[in-house]
């Protein structure tokens, strides 16, 4: 039997391990505080780079709908901390640095979280939808992803419901040591504009100067595969970069490959399942 890590011994040791990670990240943030984006401008920068609306309330299997309502509240509390933030040349955007720790005192509510074993509940649960939106917009820009955690691509928890973006392009966040961070390597300044309506989390990435290129995200070989007694969802997501003036492709890169075990009833899969495979 493999020896347990300190944080796996008991709930107490887990809490100690988590607190240690939080303290270490705070120390690292203090050392690099000058590079972290904090300036906000509530006037739109001139150029719209990309925008996307993310549906807040989605049908997620048998998950309590109250958790969706709670998520809507938490998203509404977090949005003002990100709206208008500027990412200047050489600067780094950090989600948790701006939003801070979620607490009941601040009004955050219990929402859906995801562990390796399936759905769970936690204070501020559902905020990964926020970083999912940011990440999708960033993929359509020259901003560089400095920190991104992709645990959601290991399991497929719920059947699709009005899916708008490829499966597995999301993010995982945990205050504050699993962060979503983006660095600006260009001479341009970028800005996030975020708002929450009754139905959507709305996002727009803007810039000071127009971009010379256009970004396209495409999903390939999306399928379900029988592997022994289990079914896996597999796909590959690529990004193409094209010159706006000539239309020539300047780059073609793999963003992510997913191999996620399906945890819901296969009868709910609305696509053919490929034959048994042990690869």
C-alpha atoms as a PDB file:
ATOM      1  CA  UNK A   1       0.000   0.000   0.000  1.00  0.00           C
ATOM      2  CA  UNK A   2       1.308   3.442  -0.982  1.00  0.00           C
ATOM      3  CA  UNK A   3       2.190   5.707   1.880  1.00  0.00           C
ATOM      4  CA  UNK A   4      -0.356   8.480   2.429  1.00  0.00           C
ATOM      5  CA  UNK A   5       0.611  12.094   1.991  1.00  0.00           C
ATOM      6  CA  UNK A   6       0.365  14.317   5.073  1.00  0.00           C
ATOM      7  CA  UNK A   7      -2.798  15.971   3.783  1.00  0.00           C
ATOM      8  CA  UNK A   8      -4.459  12.584   3.220  1.00  0.00           C
ATOM      9  CA  UNK A   9      -4.137  11.313   6.796  1.00  0.00           C
ATOM     10  CA  UNK A  10      -7.180  13.066   8.245  1.00  0.00           C
ATOM     11  CA  UNK A  11      -9.440  16.112   7.758  1.00  0.00           C
ATOM     12  CA  UNK A  12      -7.215  18.011  10.207  1.00  0.00           C
ATOM     13  CA  UNK A  13      -4.003  17.316   8.294  1.00  0.00           C
ATOM     14  CA  UNK A  14      -5.798  18.189   5.054  1.00  0.00           C
ATOM     15  CA  UNK A  15      -6.827  21.568   6.503  1.00  0.00           C
ATOM     16  CA  UNK A  16      -3.252  22.179   7.679  1.00  0.00           C
ATOM     17  CA  UNK A  17      -1.867  21.299   4.247  1.00  0.00           C
ATOM     18  CA  UNK A  18      -4.336  23.641   2.536  1.00  0.00           C
ATOM     19  CA  UNK A  19      -3.511  26.512   4.878  1.00  0.00           C
ATOM     20  CA  UNK A  20       0.194  25.974   4.200  1.00  0.00           C
ATOM     21  CA  UNK A  21      -0.423  26.274   0.451  1.00  0.00           C
ATOM     22  CA  UNK A  22      -2.427  29.471   0.974  1.00  0.00           C
ATOM     23  CA  UNK A  23       0.327  31.060   3.072  1.00  0.00           C
ATOM     24  CA  UNK A  24       3.013  30.095   0.551  1.00  0.00           C
ATOM     25  CA  UNK A  25       1.031  31.662  -2.303  1.00  0.00           C
ATOM     26  CA  UNK A  26       0.480  34.853  -0.307  1.00  0.00           C
ATOM     27  CA  UNK A  27       4.219  35.129   0.287  1.00  0.00           C
ATOM     28  CA  UNK A  28       4.892  34.593  -3.422  1.00  0.00           C
ATOM     29  CA  UNK A  29       2.302  37.239  -4.315  1.00  0.00           C
ATOM     30  CA  UNK A  30       3.971  39.703  -1.948  1.00  0.00           C
ATOM     31  CA  UNK A  31       7.336  39.152  -3.596  1.00  0.00           C
ATOM     32  CA  UNK A  32       5.903  39.720  -7.066  1.00  0.00           C
ATOM     33  CA  UNK A  33       3.187  42.250  -6.214  1.00  0.00           C
ATOM     34  CA  UNK A  34       4.472  44.881  -8.668  1.00  0.00           C
ATOM     35  CA  UNK A  35       3.773  42.625 -11.661  1.00  0.00           C
ATOM     36  CA  UNK A  36       0.194  41.712 -10.666  1.00  0.00           C
ATOM     37  CA  UNK A  37      -2.556  43.677 -12.415  1.00  0.00           C
ATOM     38  CA  UNK A  38      -4.605  45.840 -10.039  1.00  0.00           C
ATOM     39  CA  UNK A  39      -5.443  48.990 -12.019  1.00  0.00           C
ATOM     40  CA  UNK A  40      -9.042  49.315 -13.165  1.00  0.00           C
ATOM     41  CA  UNK A  41     -10.541  51.533 -15.866  1.00  0.00           C
ATOM     42  CA  UNK A  42     -14.334  51.615 -16.057  1.00  0.00           C
ATOM     43  CA  UNK A  43     -14.240  53.187 -19.526  1.00  0.00           C
ATOM     44  CA  UNK A  44     -14.013  50.698 -22.396  1.00  0.00           C
ATOM     45  CA  UNK A  45     -10.694  50.459 -24.200  1.00  0.00           C
ATOM     46  CA  UNK A  46     -11.240  51.236 -27.925  1.00  0.00           C
ATOM     47  CA  UNK A  47     -10.985  47.737 -29.459  1.00  0.00           C
ATOM     48  CA  UNK A  48     -13.238  44.743 -28.825  1.00  0.00           C
ATOM     49  CA  UNK A  49     -11.105  41.597 -29.156  1.00  0.00           C
ATOM     50  CA  UNK A  50     -13.618  38.907 -28.213  1.00  0.00           C
ATOM     51  CA  UNK A  51     -16.841  38.541 -26.222  1.00  0.00           C
ATOM     52  CA  UNK A  52     -18.835  35.617 -24.865  1.00  0.00           C
ATOM     53  CA  UNK A  53     -21.949  35.051 -22.760  1.00  0.00           C
ATOM     54  CA  UNK A  54     -22.041  32.087 -20.393  1.00  0.00           C
ATOM     55  CA  UNK A  55     -25.411  30.696 -19.283  1.00  0.00           C
ATOM     56  CA  UNK A  56     -25.529  30.740 -15.476  1.00  0.00           C
ATOM     57  CA  UNK A  57     -28.283  28.218 -14.759  1.00  0.00           C
ATOM     58  CA  UNK A  58     -27.706  24.923 -16.524  1.00  0.00           C
ATOM     59  CA  UNK A  59     -29.283  21.541 -16.033  1.00  0.00           C
ATOM     60  CA  UNK A  60     -26.611  19.395 -14.383  1.00  0.00           C
ATOM     61  CA  UNK A  61     -28.050  15.931 -13.919  1.00  0.00           C
ATOM     62  CA  UNK A  62     -29.754  15.639 -10.527  1.00  0.00           C
ATOM     63  CA  UNK A  63     -27.792  18.482  -8.884  1.00  0.00           C
ATOM     64  CA  UNK A  64     -29.934  20.610  -6.566  1.00  0.00           C
ATOM     65  CA  UNK A  65     -31.084  23.696  -8.468  1.00  0.00           C
ATOM     66  CA  UNK A  66     -30.534  25.752  -5.309  1.00  0.00           C
ATOM     67  CA  UNK A  67     -26.799  25.374  -5.922  1.00  0.00           C
ATOM     68  CA  UNK A  68     -27.287  27.055  -9.300  1.00  0.00           C
ATOM     69  CA  UNK A  69     -29.074  29.958  -7.637  1.00  0.00           C
ATOM     70  CA  UNK A  70     -26.276  30.213  -5.088  1.00  0.00           C
ATOM     71  CA  UNK A  71     -23.733  30.234  -7.899  1.00  0.00           C
ATOM     72  CA  UNK A  72     -25.541  33.174  -9.507  1.00  0.00           C
ATOM     73  CA  UNK A  73     -25.139  35.136  -6.269  1.00  0.00           C
ATOM     74  CA  UNK A  74     -21.438  34.284  -5.978  1.00  0.00           C
ATOM     75  CA  UNK A  75     -20.760  35.235  -9.598  1.00  0.00           C
ATOM     76  CA  UNK A  76     -22.466  38.561  -9.012  1.00  0.00           C
ATOM     77  CA  UNK A  77     -20.228  39.252  -6.018  1.00  0.00           C
ATOM     78  CA  UNK A  78     -17.015  38.339  -7.851  1.00  0.00           C
ATOM     79  CA  UNK A  79     -17.726  40.184 -11.118  1.00  0.00           C
ATOM     80  CA  UNK A  80     -17.058  43.757  -9.889  1.00  0.00           C
ATOM     81  CA  UNK A  81     -13.573  42.723  -8.746  1.00  0.00           C
ATOM     82  CA  UNK A  82     -12.626  41.751 -12.321  1.00  0.00           C
ATOM     83  CA  UNK A  83     -14.641  44.235 -14.375  1.00  0.00           C
ATOM     84  CA  UNK A  84     -12.464  46.938 -15.921  1.00  0.00           C
ATOM     85  CA  UNK A  85      -9.140  45.435 -14.865  1.00  0.00           C
ATOM     86  CA  UNK A  86      -6.240  46.398 -17.124  1.00  0.00           C
ATOM     87  CA  UNK A  87      -3.479  43.985 -18.099  1.00  0.00           C
ATOM     88  CA  UNK A  88      -0.651  46.236 -19.172  1.00  0.00           C
ATOM     89  CA  UNK A  89       2.482  45.139 -21.081  1.00  0.00           C
ATOM     90  CA  UNK A  90       4.493  42.779 -18.890  1.00  0.00           C
ATOM     91  CA  UNK A  91       1.690  42.569 -16.317  1.00  0.00           C
ATOM     92  CA  UNK A  92       0.031  39.432 -14.931  1.00  0.00           C
ATOM     93  CA  UNK A  93      -3.659  38.970 -14.199  1.00  0.00           C
ATOM     94  CA  UNK A  94      -4.437  36.847 -11.130  1.00  0.00           C
ATOM     95  CA  UNK A  95      -8.045  35.872 -10.453  1.00  0.00           C
ATOM     96  CA  UNK A  96      -7.658  35.239  -6.725  1.00  0.00           C
ATOM     97  CA  UNK A  97      -5.512  38.312  -6.119  1.00  0.00           C
ATOM     98  CA  UNK A  98      -8.437  40.435  -7.297  1.00  0.00           C
ATOM     99  CA  UNK A  99     -11.421  38.466  -6.002  1.00  0.00           C
ATOM    100  CA  UNK A 100      -9.969  37.501  -2.636  1.00  0.00           C
ATOM    101  CA  UNK A 101     -11.127  34.740  -0.341  1.00  0.00           C
ATOM    102  CA  UNK A 102     -14.786  33.772  -0.504  1.00  0.00           C
ATOM    103  CA  UNK A 103     -16.631  33.916   2.803  1.00  0.00           C
ATOM    104  CA  UNK A 104     -20.198  33.835   4.061  1.00  0.00           C
ATOM    105  CA  UNK A 105     -19.575  37.245   5.631  1.00  0.00           C
ATOM    106  CA  UNK A 106     -18.990  38.649   2.145  1.00  0.00           C
ATOM    107  CA  UNK A 107     -22.230  37.053   0.955  1.00  0.00           C
ATOM    108  CA  UNK A 108     -20.836  34.074  -0.932  1.00  0.00           C
ATOM    109  CA  UNK A 109     -23.001  30.967  -0.896  1.00  0.00           C
ATOM    110  CA  UNK A 110     -22.517  27.221  -1.122  1.00  0.00           C
ATOM    111  CA  UNK A 111     -22.330  26.021  -4.707  1.00  0.00           C
ATOM    112  CA  UNK A 112     -21.268  23.066  -6.805  1.00  0.00           C
ATOM    113  CA  UNK A 113     -17.612  22.102  -6.745  1.00  0.00           C
ATOM    114  CA  UNK A 114     -15.844  19.270  -8.536  1.00  0.00           C
ATOM    115  CA  UNK A 115     -13.429  16.774  -7.064  1.00  0.00           C
ATOM    116  CA  UNK A 116     -11.681  13.872  -8.756  1.00  0.00           C
ATOM    117  CA  UNK A 117     -14.424  11.598  -7.428  1.00  0.00           C
ATOM    118  CA  UNK A 118     -17.366  13.667  -8.632  1.00  0.00           C
ATOM    119  CA  UNK A 119     -19.567  16.595  -7.600  1.00  0.00           C
ATOM    120  CA  UNK A 120     -19.308  18.164  -4.169  1.00  0.00           C
ATOM    121  CA  UNK A 121     -20.362  21.376  -2.441  1.00  0.00           C
ATOM    122  CA  UNK A 122     -18.358  24.297  -1.113  1.00  0.00           C
ATOM    123  CA  UNK A 123     -18.567  27.988  -0.287  1.00  0.00           C
ATOM    124  CA  UNK A 124     -18.194  29.979  -3.481  1.00  0.00           C
ATOM    125  CA  UNK A 125     -18.677  26.840  -5.555  1.00  0.00           C
ATOM    126  CA  UNK A 126     -19.317  27.580  -9.214  1.00  0.00           C
ATOM    127  CA  UNK A 127     -16.741  30.344  -9.593  1.00  0.00           C
ATOM    128  CA  UNK A 128     -14.832  28.119 -12.001  1.00  0.00           C
ATOM    129  CA  UNK A 129     -17.493  29.190 -14.506  1.00  0.00           C
ATOM    130  CA  UNK A 130     -15.982  32.661 -14.172  1.00  0.00           C
ATOM    131  CA  UNK A 131     -12.447  31.536 -14.997  1.00  0.00           C
ATOM    132  CA  UNK A 132     -13.841  29.281 -17.741  1.00  0.00           C
ATOM    133  CA  UNK A 133     -15.236  32.414 -19.390  1.00  0.00           C
ATOM    134  CA  UNK A 134     -11.985  34.333 -18.952  1.00  0.00           C
ATOM    135  CA  UNK A 135      -9.969  31.430 -20.330  1.00  0.00           C
ATOM    136  CA  UNK A 136     -12.157  31.096 -23.421  1.00  0.00           C
ATOM    137  CA  UNK A 137     -11.696  34.793 -24.205  1.00  0.00           C
ATOM    138  CA  UNK A 138      -7.954  34.663 -23.543  1.00  0.00           C
ATOM    139  CA  UNK A 139      -7.604  31.804 -26.044  1.00  0.00           C
ATOM    140  CA  UNK A 140      -8.762  34.298 -28.673  1.00  0.00           C
ATOM    141  CA  UNK A 141      -5.928  36.704 -27.885  1.00  0.00           C
ATOM    142  CA  UNK A 142      -2.117  36.925 -27.692  1.00  0.00           C
ATOM    143  CA  UNK A 143      -2.212  36.876 -23.886  1.00  0.00           C
ATOM    144  CA  UNK A 144      -0.137  34.027 -22.423  1.00  0.00           C
ATOM    145  CA  UNK A 145      -1.600  31.616 -19.882  1.00  0.00           C
ATOM    146  CA  UNK A 146       0.727  31.714 -16.891  1.00  0.00           C
ATOM    147  CA  UNK A 147      -1.248  29.367 -14.608  1.00  0.00           C
ATOM    148  CA  UNK A 148      -4.059  27.045 -15.581  1.00  0.00           C
ATOM    149  CA  UNK A 149      -5.335  23.919 -13.843  1.00  0.00           C
ATOM    150  CA  UNK A 150      -7.278  21.449 -15.940  1.00  0.00           C
ATOM    151  CA  UNK A 151      -8.740  18.867 -13.548  1.00  0.00           C
ATOM    152  CA  UNK A 152     -12.190  19.062 -15.166  1.00  0.00           C
ATOM    153  CA  UNK A 153     -10.886  17.265 -18.235  1.00  0.00           C
ATOM    154  CA  UNK A 154     -10.369  14.028 -16.285  1.00  0.00           C
ATOM    155  CA  UNK A 155     -14.066  13.318 -15.679  1.00  0.00           C
ATOM    156  CA  UNK A 156     -17.278  14.035 -17.591  1.00  0.00           C
ATOM    157  CA  UNK A 157     -19.801  14.668 -14.837  1.00  0.00           C
ATOM    158  CA  UNK A 158     -22.958  15.742 -16.646  1.00  0.00           C
ATOM    159  CA  UNK A 159     -24.646  15.313 -20.030  1.00  0.00           C
ATOM    160  CA  UNK A 160     -24.298  18.337 -22.331  1.00  0.00           C
ATOM    161  CA  UNK A 161     -26.860  21.096 -21.883  1.00  0.00           C
ATOM    162  CA  UNK A 162     -26.737  23.925 -24.437  1.00  0.00           C
ATOM    163  CA  UNK A 163     -22.963  23.507 -24.784  1.00  0.00           C
ATOM    164  CA  UNK A 164     -21.399  26.433 -26.654  1.00  0.00           C
ATOM    165  CA  UNK A 165     -17.668  25.729 -26.346  1.00  0.00           C
ATOM    166  CA  UNK A 166     -15.670  22.498 -26.743  1.00  0.00           C
ATOM    167  CA  UNK A 167     -15.656  20.061 -23.842  1.00  0.00           C
ATOM    168  CA  UNK A 168     -12.609  20.261 -21.610  1.00  0.00           C
ATOM    169  CA  UNK A 169     -11.581  23.862 -22.247  1.00  0.00           C
ATOM    170  CA  UNK A 170     -12.382  24.900 -18.686  1.00  0.00           C
ATOM    171  CA  UNK A 171     -10.340  25.614 -15.585  1.00  0.00           C
ATOM    172  CA  UNK A 172     -10.113  24.495 -11.956  1.00  0.00           C
ATOM    173  CA  UNK A 173      -9.575  27.037  -9.180  1.00  0.00           C
ATOM    174  CA  UNK A 174      -9.179  26.777  -5.405  1.00  0.00           C
ATOM    175  CA  UNK A 175      -8.377  29.795  -3.240  1.00  0.00           C
ATOM    176  CA  UNK A 176      -5.642  30.825  -3.633  1.00  0.00           C
ATOM    177  CA  UNK A 177      -3.096  28.207  -4.588  1.00  0.00           C
ATOM    178  CA  UNK A 178      -4.945  26.955  -7.686  1.00  0.00           C
ATOM    179  CA  UNK A 179      -5.209  30.248  -9.520  1.00  0.00           C
ATOM    180  CA  UNK A 180      -5.969  31.354 -13.055  1.00  0.00           C
ATOM    181  CA  UNK A 181      -3.222  33.691 -14.271  1.00  0.00           C
ATOM    182  CA  UNK A 182      -2.560  35.410 -17.569  1.00  0.00           C
ATOM    183  CA  UNK A 183       0.529  37.366 -18.614  1.00  0.00           C
ATOM    184  CA  UNK A 184       0.676  40.090 -21.237  1.00  0.00           C
ATOM    185  CA  UNK A 185       3.835  39.656 -23.375  1.00  0.00           C
ATOM    186  CA  UNK A 186       2.787  42.325 -25.908  1.00  0.00           C
ATOM    187  CA  UNK A 187       3.082  46.121 -26.103  1.00  0.00           C
ATOM    188  CA  UNK A 188      -0.698  46.393 -26.141  1.00  0.00           C
ATOM    189  CA  UNK A 189      -2.926  46.907 -23.076  1.00  0.00           C
ATOM    190  CA  UNK A 190      -5.890  44.571 -22.523  1.00  0.00           C
ATOM    191  CA  UNK A 191      -9.007  44.919 -20.408  1.00  0.00           C
ATOM    192  CA  UNK A 192     -11.661  42.554 -19.058  1.00  0.00           C
ATOM    193  CA  UNK A 193     -15.244  43.826 -18.968  1.00  0.00           C
ATOM    194  CA  UNK A 194     -17.556  41.578 -16.954  1.00  0.00           C
ATOM    195  CA  UNK A 195     -21.214  41.840 -16.005  1.00  0.00           C
ATOM    196  CA  UNK A 196     -23.925  39.550 -14.676  1.00  0.00           C
ATOM    197  CA  UNK A 197     -27.502  39.533 -15.952  1.00  0.00           C
ATOM    198  CA  UNK A 198     -30.397  37.415 -14.776  1.00  0.00           C
ATOM    199  CA  UNK A 199     -29.422  34.679 -17.241  1.00  0.00           C
ATOM    200  CA  UNK A 200     -25.778  35.162 -18.225  1.00  0.00           C
ATOM    201  CA  UNK A 201     -22.283  35.893 -17.059  1.00  0.00           C
ATOM    202  CA  UNK A 202     -21.178  38.276 -19.800  1.00  0.00           C
ATOM    203  CA  UNK A 203     -17.561  38.879 -20.710  1.00  0.00           C
ATOM    204  CA  UNK A 204     -15.610  40.954 -23.177  1.00  0.00           C
ATOM    205  CA  UNK A 205     -11.876  41.248 -23.759  1.00  0.00           C
ATOM    206  CA  UNK A 206     -10.881  44.667 -25.063  1.00  0.00           C
ATOM    207  CA  UNK A 207      -7.585  46.245 -26.117  1.00  0.00           C
ATOM    208  CA  UNK A 208      -5.988  49.629 -26.589  1.00  0.00           C
ATOM    209  CA  UNK A 209      -4.808  48.845 -30.140  1.00  0.00           C
ATOM    210  CA  UNK A 210      -6.220  46.565 -32.882  1.00  0.00           C
ATOM    211  CA  UNK A 211      -4.727  43.095 -33.319  1.00  0.00           C
ATOM    212  CA  UNK A 212      -3.012  42.074 -36.557  1.00  0.00           C
ATOM    213  CA  UNK A 213      -4.177  38.476 -36.228  1.00  0.00           C
ATOM    214  CA  UNK A 214      -7.371  36.521 -35.647  1.00  0.00           C
ATOM    215  CA  UNK A 215      -7.691  33.448 -33.429  1.00  0.00           C
ATOM    216  CA  UNK A 216      -9.941  30.456 -34.135  1.00  0.00           C
ATOM    217  CA  UNK A 217     -10.597  27.563 -31.737  1.00  0.00           C
ATOM    218  CA  UNK A 218     -11.665  24.234 -33.240  1.00  0.00           C
ATOM    219  CA  UNK A 219     -12.531  20.853 -31.766  1.00  0.00           C
ATOM    220  CA  UNK A 220     -11.461  17.666 -33.545  1.00  0.00           C
ATOM    221  CA  UNK A 221     -12.157  13.952 -33.182  1.00  0.00           C
ATOM    222  CA  UNK A 222     -14.799  14.417 -30.499  1.00  0.00           C
ATOM    223  CA  UNK A 223     -16.226  11.021 -29.575  1.00  0.00           C
ATOM    224  CA  UNK A 224     -17.213   8.602 -26.829  1.00  0.00           C
ATOM    225  CA  UNK A 225     -15.215   5.398 -26.478  1.00  0.00           C
ATOM    226  CA  UNK A 226     -16.011   2.177 -24.653  1.00  0.00           C
ATOM    227  CA  UNK A 227     -13.011   1.100 -22.544  1.00  0.00           C
ATOM    228  CA  UNK A 228     -13.773  -2.126 -20.728  1.00  0.00           C
ATOM    229  CA  UNK A 229     -16.779  -1.427 -18.478  1.00  0.00           C
ATOM    230  CA  UNK A 230     -16.348   2.365 -18.722  1.00  0.00           C
ATOM    231  CA  UNK A 231     -17.052   5.032 -21.326  1.00  0.00           C
ATOM    232  CA  UNK A 232     -14.610   7.867 -21.982  1.00  0.00           C
ATOM    233  CA  UNK A 233     -15.172  11.166 -23.686  1.00  0.00           C
ATOM    234  CA  UNK A 234     -12.285  12.147 -25.927  1.00  0.00           C
ATOM    235  CA  UNK A 235     -11.497  15.197 -28.006  1.00  0.00           C
ATOM    236  CA  UNK A 236      -8.701  17.487 -29.116  1.00  0.00           C
ATOM    237  CA  UNK A 237      -8.919  21.273 -29.212  1.00  0.00           C
ATOM    238  CA  UNK A 238      -6.688  23.331 -31.507  1.00  0.00           C
ATOM    239  CA  UNK A 239      -6.025  27.040 -31.974  1.00  0.00           C
ATOM    240  CA  UNK A 240      -5.337  28.582 -35.360  1.00  0.00           C
ATOM    241  CA  UNK A 241      -3.768  32.028 -35.725  1.00  0.00           C
ATOM    242  CA  UNK A 242      -4.326  33.854 -39.014  1.00  0.00           C
ATOM    243  CA  UNK A 243      -3.041  37.127 -40.405  1.00  0.00           C
ATOM    244  CA  UNK A 244      -6.022  39.485 -40.722  1.00  0.00           C
ATOM    245  CA  UNK A 245      -4.621  41.136 -43.844  1.00  0.00           C
ATOM    246  CA  UNK A 246      -3.655  38.076 -45.893  1.00  0.00           C
ATOM    247  CA  UNK A 247      -5.707  35.315 -44.285  1.00  0.00           C
ATOM    248  CA  UNK A 248      -2.579  33.152 -44.068  1.00  0.00           C
ATOM    249  CA  UNK A 249      -2.289  30.774 -41.141  1.00  0.00           C
ATOM    250  CA  UNK A 250       0.648  31.790 -38.959  1.00  0.00           C
ATOM    251  CA  UNK A 251       0.329  29.123 -36.275  1.00  0.00           C
ATOM    252  CA  UNK A 252      -1.625  25.976 -35.524  1.00  0.00           C
ATOM    253  CA  UNK A 253      -1.315  24.602 -32.015  1.00  0.00           C
ATOM    254  CA  UNK A 254      -2.861  22.002 -29.740  1.00  0.00           C
ATOM    255  CA  UNK A 255      -4.654  23.604 -26.802  1.00  0.00           C
ATOM    256  CA  UNK A 256      -5.730  20.481 -24.931  1.00  0.00           C
ATOM    257  CA  UNK A 257      -6.512  16.777 -25.343  1.00  0.00           C
ATOM    258  CA  UNK A 258      -9.170  15.283 -23.111  1.00  0.00           C
ATOM    259  CA  UNK A 259      -9.737  11.709 -22.010  1.00  0.00           C
ATOM    260  CA  UNK A 260     -12.531  12.000 -19.448  1.00  0.00           C
ATOM    261  CA  UNK A 261     -14.336   9.105 -17.807  1.00  0.00           C
ATOM    262  CA  UNK A 262     -18.118   9.487 -18.137  1.00  0.00           C
ATOM    263  CA  UNK A 263     -19.789   9.376 -14.717  1.00  0.00           C
ATOM    264  CA  UNK A 264     -23.432   9.616 -15.799  1.00  0.00           C
ATOM    265  CA  UNK A 265     -25.761   7.004 -17.302  1.00  0.00           C
ATOM    266  CA  UNK A 266     -24.588   6.185 -20.811  1.00  0.00           C
ATOM    267  CA  UNK A 267     -28.232   6.220 -21.915  1.00  0.00           C
ATOM    268  CA  UNK A 268     -27.999  10.013 -21.636  1.00  0.00           C
ATOM    269  CA  UNK A 269     -25.165  10.182 -24.184  1.00  0.00           C
ATOM    270  CA  UNK A 270     -26.682  11.602 -27.360  1.00  0.00           C
ATOM    271  CA  UNK A 271     -23.913  10.373 -29.654  1.00  0.00           C
ATOM    272  CA  UNK A 272     -22.649   7.020 -30.919  1.00  0.00           C
ATOM    273  CA  UNK A 273     -20.252   5.169 -28.611  1.00  0.00           C
ATOM    274  CA  UNK A 274     -17.264   3.651 -30.375  1.00  0.00           C
ATOM    275  CA  UNK A 275     -16.380   0.022 -29.770  1.00  0.00           C
ATOM    276  CA  UNK A 276     -14.390  -1.424 -26.912  1.00  0.00           C
ATOM    277  CA  UNK A 277     -10.821  -0.196 -26.616  1.00  0.00           C
ATOM    278  CA  UNK A 278      -8.121  -0.849 -24.042  1.00  0.00           C
ATOM    279  CA  UNK A 279      -5.856   2.003 -25.169  1.00  0.00           C
END
